[in-house]
C-alpha atoms as a PDB file:
ATOM      1  CA  LEU A   1      86.418 105.731  93.821  1.00  0.00           C
ATOM      2  CA  VAL A   2      84.557 108.903  94.727  1.00  0.00           C
ATOM      3  CA  SER A   3      84.221 112.407  93.347  1.00  0.00           C
ATOM      4  CA  ALA A   4      81.957 115.024  94.911  1.00  0.00           C
ATOM      5  CA  GLY A   5      79.218 112.558  95.878  1.00  0.00           C
ATOM      6  CA  ASN A   6      79.585 110.416  92.729  1.00  0.00           C
ATOM      7  CA  SER A   7      81.261 107.031  92.760  1.00  0.00           C
ATOM      8  CA  ILE A   8      82.610 104.193  90.644  1.00  0.00           C
ATOM      9  CA  ASP A   9      81.817 100.906  92.380  1.00  0.00           C
ATOM     10  CA  VAL A  10      84.506  98.369  93.285  1.00  0.00           C
ATOM     11  CA  ALA A  11      82.794  95.916  90.898  1.00  0.00           C
ATOM     12  CA  ASN A  12      84.185  98.076  88.060  1.00  0.00           C
ATOM     13  CA  GLN A  13      87.769  97.691  89.263  1.00  0.00           C
ATOM     14  CA  LYS A  14      89.973  94.638  88.705  1.00  0.00           C
ATOM     15  CA  TYR A  15      93.557  93.664  89.456  1.00  0.00           C
ATOM     16  CA  SER A  16      95.985  90.917  88.522  1.00  0.00           C
ATOM     17  CA  THR A  17      99.638  89.968  88.829  1.00  0.00           C
ATOM     18  CA  SER A  18      99.874  89.931  85.006  1.00  0.00           C
ATOM     19  CA  THR A  19      98.672  92.217  82.228  1.00  0.00           C
ATOM     20  CA  PHE A  20      95.070  91.737  81.104  1.00  0.00           C
ATOM     21  CA  THR A  21      92.212  93.004  78.971  1.00  0.00           C
ATOM     22  CA  PHE A  22      89.407  94.157  81.266  1.00  0.00           C
ATOM     23  CA  SER A  23      86.460  92.702  79.352  1.00  0.00           C
ATOM     24  CA  SER A  24      87.945  89.229  78.859  1.00  0.00           C
ATOM     25  CA  CYS A  25      90.150  88.763  81.908  1.00  0.00           C
ATOM     26  CA  THR A  26      90.369  85.203  83.226  1.00  0.00           C
ATOM     27  CA  THR A  27      93.261  85.774  85.645  1.00  0.00           C
ATOM     28  CA  CYS A  28      92.139  88.966  87.335  1.00  0.00           C
ATOM     29  CA  THR A  29      90.150  89.550  90.504  1.00  0.00           C
ATOM     30  CA  THR A  30      87.374  92.081  91.029  1.00  0.00           C
ATOM     31  CA  LEU A  31      88.252  94.557  93.750  1.00  0.00           C
ATOM     32  CA  SER A  32      86.419  94.012  97.033  1.00  0.00           C
ATOM     33  CA  THR A  33      85.404  96.158  99.985  1.00  0.00           C
ATOM     34  CA  VAL A  34      86.900  93.554 102.344  1.00  0.00           C
ATOM     35  CA  SER A  35      90.527  92.519 102.791  1.00  0.00           C
ATOM     36  CA  THR A  36      91.751  90.039 100.206  1.00  0.00           C
ATOM     37  CA  THR A  37      94.928  87.970 100.273  1.00  0.00           C
ATOM     38  CA  VAL A  38      96.934  87.718  97.057  1.00  0.00           C
ATOM     39  CA  ASN A  39      99.949  85.435  97.056  1.00  0.00           C
ATOM     40  CA  ILE A  40     102.902  87.022  95.318  1.00  0.00           C
ATOM     41  CA  ASN A  41     106.025  84.918  95.480  1.00  0.00           C
ATOM     42  CA  LEU A  42     109.060  87.150  95.878  1.00  0.00           C
ATOM     43  CA  GLY A  43     112.587  85.848  96.072  1.00  0.00           C
ATOM     44  CA  LYS A  44     114.341  86.109  99.408  1.00  0.00           C
ATOM     45  CA  ASN A  45     116.810  88.968  99.667  1.00  0.00           C
ATOM     46  CA  THR A  46     120.360  87.832 100.300  1.00  0.00           C
ATOM     47  CA  ALA A  47     121.954  91.248 100.709  1.00  0.00           C
ATOM     48  CA  SER A  48     120.805  94.445 102.342  1.00  0.00           C
ATOM     49  CA  THR A  49     121.190  96.309  99.037  1.00  0.00           C
ATOM     50  CA  THR A  50     118.985  93.872  97.082  1.00  0.00           C
ATOM     51  CA  SER A  51     115.266  94.508  96.902  1.00  0.00           C
ATOM     52  CA  ALA A  52     112.415  92.232  95.936  1.00  0.00           C
ATOM     53  CA  ALA A  53     109.698  93.583  93.648  1.00  0.00           C
ATOM     54  CA  SER A  54     106.592  92.480  91.812  1.00  0.00           C
ATOM     55  CA  SER A  55     103.991  94.278  89.691  1.00  0.00           C
ATOM     56  CA  THR A  56     100.256  94.507  90.266  1.00  0.00           C
ATOM     57  CA  TYR A  57      98.108  95.577  87.308  1.00  0.00           C
ATOM     58  CA  TRP A  58      94.838  97.483  87.648  1.00  0.00           C
ATOM     59  CA  GLY A  59      91.887  97.924  85.323  1.00  0.00           C
ATOM     60  CA  LEU A  60      88.953 100.289  85.576  1.00  0.00           C
ATOM     61  CA  SER A  61      85.650 100.321  83.709  1.00  0.00           C
ATOM     62  CA  VAL A  62      83.973 103.712  83.947  1.00  0.00           C
ATOM     63  CA  PRO A  63      80.195 103.237  83.601  1.00  0.00           C
ATOM     64  CA  ASN A  64      78.424 105.209  80.849  1.00  0.00           C
ATOM     65  CA  GLY A  65      76.914 108.377  82.233  1.00  0.00           C
ATOM     66  CA  SER A  66      79.480 108.783  85.009  1.00  0.00           C
ATOM     67  CA  PRO A  67      79.971 112.482  85.720  1.00  0.00           C
ATOM     68  CA  VAL A  68      83.324 113.957  84.720  1.00  0.00           C
ATOM     69  CA  GLY A  69      85.558 114.600  87.711  1.00  0.00           C
ATOM     70  CA  THR A  70      88.642 113.606  89.612  1.00  0.00           C
ATOM     71  CA  TYR A  71      87.866 110.343  91.380  1.00  0.00           C
ATOM     72  CA  THR A  72      90.018 109.274  94.303  1.00  0.00           C
ATOM     73  CA  GLY A  73      90.309 106.205  96.497  1.00  0.00           C
ATOM     74  CA  THR A  74      92.767 104.303  98.642  1.00  0.00           C
ATOM     75  CA  THR A  75      94.206 100.839  98.280  1.00  0.00           C
ATOM     76  CA  THR A  76      96.397  99.482 101.068  1.00  0.00           C
ATOM     77  CA  PHE A  77      99.084  96.854 100.515  1.00  0.00           C
ATOM     78  CA  LEU A  78     100.459  94.908 103.458  1.00  0.00           C
ATOM     79  CA  GLY A  79     103.410  92.579 103.048  1.00  0.00           C
ATOM     80  CA  ILE A  80     103.376  89.373 105.075  1.00  0.00           C
ATOM     81  CA  THR A  81     106.223  86.893 105.166  1.00  0.00           C
ATOM     82  CA  ASN A  82     105.803  83.151 105.308  1.00  0.00           C
ATOM     83  CA  GLN A  83     108.643  81.577 107.209  1.00  0.00           C
END
């Protein structure tokens, strides 16, 4: 995450497929600067009007002394099917 030359490192960002408490998370993964595969098992759609969905939960630890600002970043999700 960046804001006018300031940043919050990926090591301060975590995600999981279930809710968690940032400081004691045992099921979450620290965000990485390289592509990471996360298996999310979605049911197969049987009708064109049915959609499959799953939640991903994010946590952020803002380091003490971080300048106030609007921090932005991009996370890309790519769905891959296993046949």
